[in-house]
C-alpha atoms as a PDB file:
ATOM      1  CA  MET A   1      57.424 107.203  20.925  1.00  0.00           C
ATOM      2  CA  THR A   2      59.451 105.388  23.093  1.00  0.00           C
ATOM      3  CA  GLU A   3      58.687 104.585  27.090  1.00  0.00           C
ATOM      4  CA  GLU A   4      61.782 106.681  28.041  1.00  0.00           C
ATOM      5  CA  ASN A   5      60.532 109.438  25.932  1.00  0.00           C
ATOM      6  CA  GLY A   6      56.804 109.680  27.138  1.00  0.00           C
ATOM      7  CA  ILE A   7      58.081 109.863  30.892  1.00  0.00           C
ATOM      8  CA  GLU A   8      60.605 112.476  29.944  1.00  0.00           C
ATOM      9  CA  SER A   9      57.898 113.925  28.099  1.00  0.00           C
ATOM     10  CA  ALA A  10      55.362 113.429  31.260  1.00  0.00           C
ATOM     11  CA  ILE A  11      58.358 114.569  33.887  1.00  0.00           C
ATOM     12  CA  ARG A  12      58.375 118.007  31.508  1.00  0.00           C
ATOM     13  CA  GLN A  13      54.925 118.629  31.672  1.00  0.00           C
ATOM     14  CA  ALA A  14      54.909 118.547  35.423  1.00  0.00           C
ATOM     15  CA  TYR A  15      58.150 120.546  35.973  1.00  0.00           C
ATOM     16  CA  ARG A  16      56.153 123.598  34.009  1.00  0.00           C
ATOM     17  CA  ARG A  17      52.844 123.114  35.879  1.00  0.00           C
ATOM     18  CA  MET A  18      54.960 122.830  39.316  1.00  0.00           C
ATOM     19  CA  HIS A  19      57.368 125.607  38.391  1.00  0.00           C
ATOM     20  CA  ARG A  20      53.990 127.974  37.551  1.00  0.00           C
ATOM     21  CA  TYR A  21      51.727 126.204  40.048  1.00  0.00           C
ATOM     22  CA  THR A  22      51.900 123.849  43.050  1.00  0.00           C
ATOM     23  CA  CYS A  23      53.514 119.975  43.271  1.00  0.00           C
ATOM     24  CA  ALA A  24      50.251 118.973  44.361  1.00  0.00           C
ATOM     25  CA  GLU A  25      48.691 119.961  40.935  1.00  0.00           C
ATOM     26  CA  ALA A  26      51.785 119.120  38.818  1.00  0.00           C
ATOM     27  CA  SER A  27      51.544 114.863  40.545  1.00  0.00           C
ATOM     28  CA  LEU A  28      48.189 114.804  40.332  1.00  0.00           C
ATOM     29  CA  GLN A  29      47.119 115.987  36.651  1.00  0.00           C
ATOM     30  CA  ALA A  30      50.924 114.347  35.532  1.00  0.00           C
ATOM     31  CA  LEU A  31      49.276 111.266  36.927  1.00  0.00           C
ATOM     32  CA  LEU A  32      45.745 112.208  35.723  1.00  0.00           C
ATOM     33  CA  GLU A  33      47.430 112.219  32.029  1.00  0.00           C
ATOM     34  CA  ILE A  34      49.216 109.648  32.057  1.00  0.00           C
ATOM     35  CA  TRP A  35      46.641 107.588  32.877  1.00  0.00           C
ATOM     36  CA  LYS A  36      44.618 108.776  31.029  1.00  0.00           C
ATOM     37  CA  LEU A  37      41.503 110.077  33.138  1.00  0.00           C
ATOM     38  CA  PRO A  38      39.274 112.825  32.866  1.00  0.00           C
ATOM     39  CA  LYS A  39      41.614 116.400  34.556  1.00  0.00           C
ATOM     40  CA  GLU A  40      38.964 118.863  34.415  1.00  0.00           C
ATOM     41  CA  LYS A  41      37.128 118.692  37.017  1.00  0.00           C
ATOM     42  CA  TYR A  42      39.352 116.127  38.972  1.00  0.00           C
ATOM     43  CA  SER A  43      42.600 119.058  38.985  1.00  0.00           C
ATOM     44  CA  TRP A  44      40.719 121.584  41.550  1.00  0.00           C
ATOM     45  CA  ALA A  45      40.994 119.003  44.174  1.00  0.00           C
ATOM     46  CA  THR A  46      44.842 120.658  44.809  1.00  0.00           C
ATOM     47  CA  ALA A  47      44.526 124.140  44.087  1.00  0.00           C
ATOM     48  CA  GLY A  48      45.934 126.258  46.217  1.00  0.00           C
ATOM     49  CA  TYR A  49      48.499 123.341  47.571  1.00  0.00           C
ATOM     50  CA  LEU A  50      51.531 125.928  47.804  1.00  0.00           C
ATOM     51  CA  GLY A  51      54.409 125.000  49.923  1.00  0.00           C
ATOM     52  CA  ALA A  52      52.757 122.744  51.418  1.00  0.00           C
ATOM     53  CA  ILE A  53      49.691 125.178  52.834  1.00  0.00           C
ATOM     54  CA  LEU A  54      52.549 127.785  53.344  1.00  0.00           C
ATOM     55  CA  GLY A  55      54.119 126.765  56.356  1.00  0.00           C
ATOM     56  CA  GLY A  56      55.376 123.903  55.164  1.00  0.00           C
ATOM     57  CA  GLN A  57      55.139 121.688  58.003  1.00  0.00           C
ATOM     58  CA  THR A  58      52.215 119.711  56.189  1.00  0.00           C
ATOM     59  CA  THR A  59      52.251 116.376  54.036  1.00  0.00           C
ATOM     60  CA  CYS A  60      55.045 117.079  50.979  1.00  0.00           C
ATOM     61  CA  GLY A  61      52.462 118.548  47.944  1.00  0.00           C
ATOM     62  CA  VAL A  62      53.703 115.595  45.276  1.00  0.00           C
ATOM     63  CA  LEU A  63      52.429 112.886  47.995  1.00  0.00           C
ATOM     64  CA  ILE A  64      48.836 115.134  48.468  1.00  0.00           C
ATOM     65  CA  GLY A  65      48.100 114.969  44.856  1.00  0.00           C
ATOM     66  CA  SER A  66      49.896 111.371  43.564  1.00  0.00           C
ATOM     67  CA  SER A  67      47.261 110.060  46.636  1.00  0.00           C
ATOM     68  CA  ILE A  68      44.724 111.965  45.253  1.00  0.00           C
ATOM     69  CA  ALA A  69      44.814 111.049  41.962  1.00  0.00           C
ATOM     70  CA  ILE A  70      45.461 106.964  43.237  1.00  0.00           C
ATOM     71  CA  GLY A  71      42.285 107.229  44.849  1.00  0.00           C
ATOM     72  CA  ILE A  72      40.678 108.701  41.322  1.00  0.00           C
ATOM     73  CA  ARG A  73      41.756 105.774  39.520  1.00  0.00           C
ATOM     74  CA  HIS A  74      40.695 103.092  41.751  1.00  0.00           C
ATOM     75  CA  GLY A  75      37.378 104.900  41.746  1.00  0.00           C
ATOM     76  CA  ILE A  76      36.512 105.908  38.233  1.00  0.00           C
ATOM     77  CA  GLU A  77      34.709 103.329  37.093  1.00  0.00           C
ATOM     78  CA  THR A  78      32.347 102.993  40.443  1.00  0.00           C
ATOM     79  CA  ASN A  79      29.108 104.354  41.308  1.00  0.00           C
ATOM     80  CA  GLY A  80      28.571 106.309  45.126  1.00  0.00           C
ATOM     81  CA  ILE A  81      31.352 106.906  47.449  1.00  0.00           C
ATOM     82  CA  PRO A  82      33.868 104.863  47.967  1.00  0.00           C
ATOM     83  CA  GLU A  83      32.828 103.556  51.580  1.00  0.00           C
ATOM     84  CA  GLU A  84      30.356 101.700  48.793  1.00  0.00           C
ATOM     85  CA  HIS A  85      33.113  99.618  46.970  1.00  0.00           C
ATOM     86  CA  GLU A  86      34.966  98.559  49.605  1.00  0.00           C
ATOM     87  CA  ALA A  87      37.306  96.106  47.456  1.00  0.00           C
ATOM     88  CA  GLU A  88      38.342  99.721  45.352  1.00  0.00           C
ATOM     89  CA  ARG A  89      38.686 101.176  48.425  1.00  0.00           C
ATOM     90  CA  SER A  90      41.184  98.338  50.340  1.00  0.00           C
ATOM     91  CA  ALA A  91      42.929  98.574  46.231  1.00  0.00           C
ATOM     92  CA  ALA A  92      43.361 102.438  47.208  1.00  0.00           C
ATOM     93  CA  ILE A  93      44.478 102.538  50.714  1.00  0.00           C
ATOM     94  CA  ALA A  94      46.943  99.778  49.985  1.00  0.00           C
ATOM     95  CA  GLU A  95      48.512 101.795  47.063  1.00  0.00           C
ATOM     96  CA  ILE A  96      48.814 105.159  48.473  1.00  0.00           C
ATOM     97  CA  ASN A  97      49.996 102.943  51.486  1.00  0.00           C
ATOM     98  CA  ASN A  98      52.593 101.553  49.709  1.00  0.00           C
ATOM     99  CA  LEU A  99      53.918 104.995  47.972  1.00  0.00           C
ATOM    100  CA  TYR A 100      54.391 106.190  51.167  1.00  0.00           C
ATOM    101  CA  LYS A 101      57.042 103.666  52.154  1.00  0.00           C
ATOM    102  CA  GLU A 102      58.376 103.604  49.230  1.00  0.00           C
ATOM    103  CA  PHE A 103      59.195 107.664  49.338  1.00  0.00           C
ATOM    104  CA  ILE A 104      59.571 107.457  53.300  1.00  0.00           C
ATOM    105  CA  LYS A 105      62.294 104.730  52.700  1.00  0.00           C
ATOM    106  CA  GLU A 106      63.896 106.464  49.341  1.00  0.00           C
ATOM    107  CA  PHE A 107      63.615 110.835  51.029  1.00  0.00           C
ATOM    108  CA  GLY A 108      63.035 109.661  55.124  1.00  0.00           C
ATOM    109  CA  SER A 109      59.921 112.035  55.308  1.00  0.00           C
ATOM    110  CA  THR A 110      57.143 113.464  54.126  1.00  0.00           C
ATOM    111  CA  ASP A 111      57.098 116.428  55.948  1.00  0.00           C
ATOM    112  CA  CYS A 112      57.652 119.414  53.391  1.00  0.00           C
ATOM    113  CA  LYS A 113      60.099 121.514  55.606  1.00  0.00           C
ATOM    114  CA  LYS A 114      61.857 118.495  56.540  1.00  0.00           C
ATOM    115  CA  LEU A 115      61.874 117.243  53.092  1.00  0.00           C
ATOM    116  CA  ASN A 116      63.240 121.203  51.338  1.00  0.00           C
ATOM    117  CA  GLN A 117      64.973 122.445  55.077  1.00  0.00           C
ATOM    118  CA  LEU A 118      63.036 125.430  54.703  1.00  0.00           C
ATOM    119  CA  ASP A 119      60.280 127.361  56.338  1.00  0.00           C
ATOM    120  CA  PHE A 120      58.040 128.987  54.002  1.00  0.00           C
ATOM    121  CA  THR A 121      56.448 131.713  56.218  1.00  0.00           C
ATOM    122  CA  ASP A 122      60.777 132.708  57.069  1.00  0.00           C
ATOM    123  CA  SER A 123      60.035 135.009  54.148  1.00  0.00           C
ATOM    124  CA  LYS A 124      64.027 136.118  53.077  1.00  0.00           C
ATOM    125  CA  ALA A 125      64.956 132.195  53.636  1.00  0.00           C
ATOM    126  CA  PHE A 126      61.831 131.399  51.017  1.00  0.00           C
ATOM    127  CA  ALA A 127      62.802 134.394  49.093  1.00  0.00           C
ATOM    128  CA  GLN A 128      66.469 132.899  48.875  1.00  0.00           C
ATOM    129  CA  TRP A 129      65.289 129.675  48.436  1.00  0.00           C
ATOM    130  CA  THR A 130      63.910 130.965  44.943  1.00  0.00           C
ATOM    131  CA  VAL A 131      65.983 133.034  44.538  1.00  0.00           C
ATOM    132  CA  GLU A 132      68.540 129.658  43.727  1.00  0.00           C
ATOM    133  CA  LYS A 133      65.447 127.634  42.737  1.00  0.00           C
ATOM    134  CA  GLY A 134      66.143 124.757  45.525  1.00  0.00           C
ATOM    135  CA  TRP A 135      63.117 122.552  44.285  1.00  0.00           C
ATOM    136  CA  LYS A 136      65.718 121.830  41.879  1.00  0.00           C
ATOM    137  CA  LYS A 137      66.847 120.112  44.340  1.00  0.00           C
ATOM    138  CA  THR A 138      63.802 118.858  46.536  1.00  0.00           C
ATOM    139  CA  CYS A 139      60.186 119.021  45.226  1.00  0.00           C
ATOM    140  CA  ASP A 140      62.026 117.759  41.179  1.00  0.00           C
ATOM    141  CA  VAL A 141      63.213 115.052  43.143  1.00  0.00           C
ATOM    142  CA  PHE A 142      59.923 113.796  44.140  1.00  0.00           C
ATOM    143  CA  LEU A 143      57.990 114.831  41.294  1.00  0.00           C
ATOM    144  CA  ASP A 144      60.577 112.509  39.280  1.00  0.00           C
ATOM    145  CA  PHE A 145      60.250 109.577  41.490  1.00  0.00           C
ATOM    146  CA  VAL A 146      56.397 109.410  41.115  1.00  0.00           C
ATOM    147  CA  ILE A 147      55.708 110.177  37.733  1.00  0.00           C
ATOM    148  CA  LYS A 148      59.015 107.271  37.043  1.00  0.00           C
ATOM    149  CA  LYS A 149      57.286 105.095  39.966  1.00  0.00           C
ATOM    150  CA  TYR A 150      53.548 104.940  37.982  1.00  0.00           C
ATOM    151  CA  PHE A 151      54.122 105.723  34.482  1.00  0.00           C
ATOM    152  CA  ASN A 152      53.101 102.477  33.346  1.00  0.00           C
ATOM    153  CA  LYS A 153      50.743 101.443  36.407  1.00  0.00           C
END
């Protein structure tokens, strides 16, 4: 399989997951698969993170899921908690900081409500966004950004 086919396959799988569940679940599970990390238990870390906790005025779920995946990747080979492994913890912090900076540079914000221009608590607006598949212009683009950034890391 070529790198391009691998990326496209990872993106397709992540889209299916996101369109049925959440952005956080999709990004976490995609990165765990890409990095060949165990997903059975870790995938639960983002369960329920829907529509940025249904209010939309919190951090984008793609960033939440990706941050969790990065933390897991940096700590997977350690025994103990992050504070007992300062080098790995510092590396995770630096990588997540870099992700957020690049995301803000690319999209202008990390706030779900602002990024989607949608108040998830407004049922009429949310229904219209859903009918129009608004996530294709926002959430899909953010997920695409993360998967392409981390596919070969």
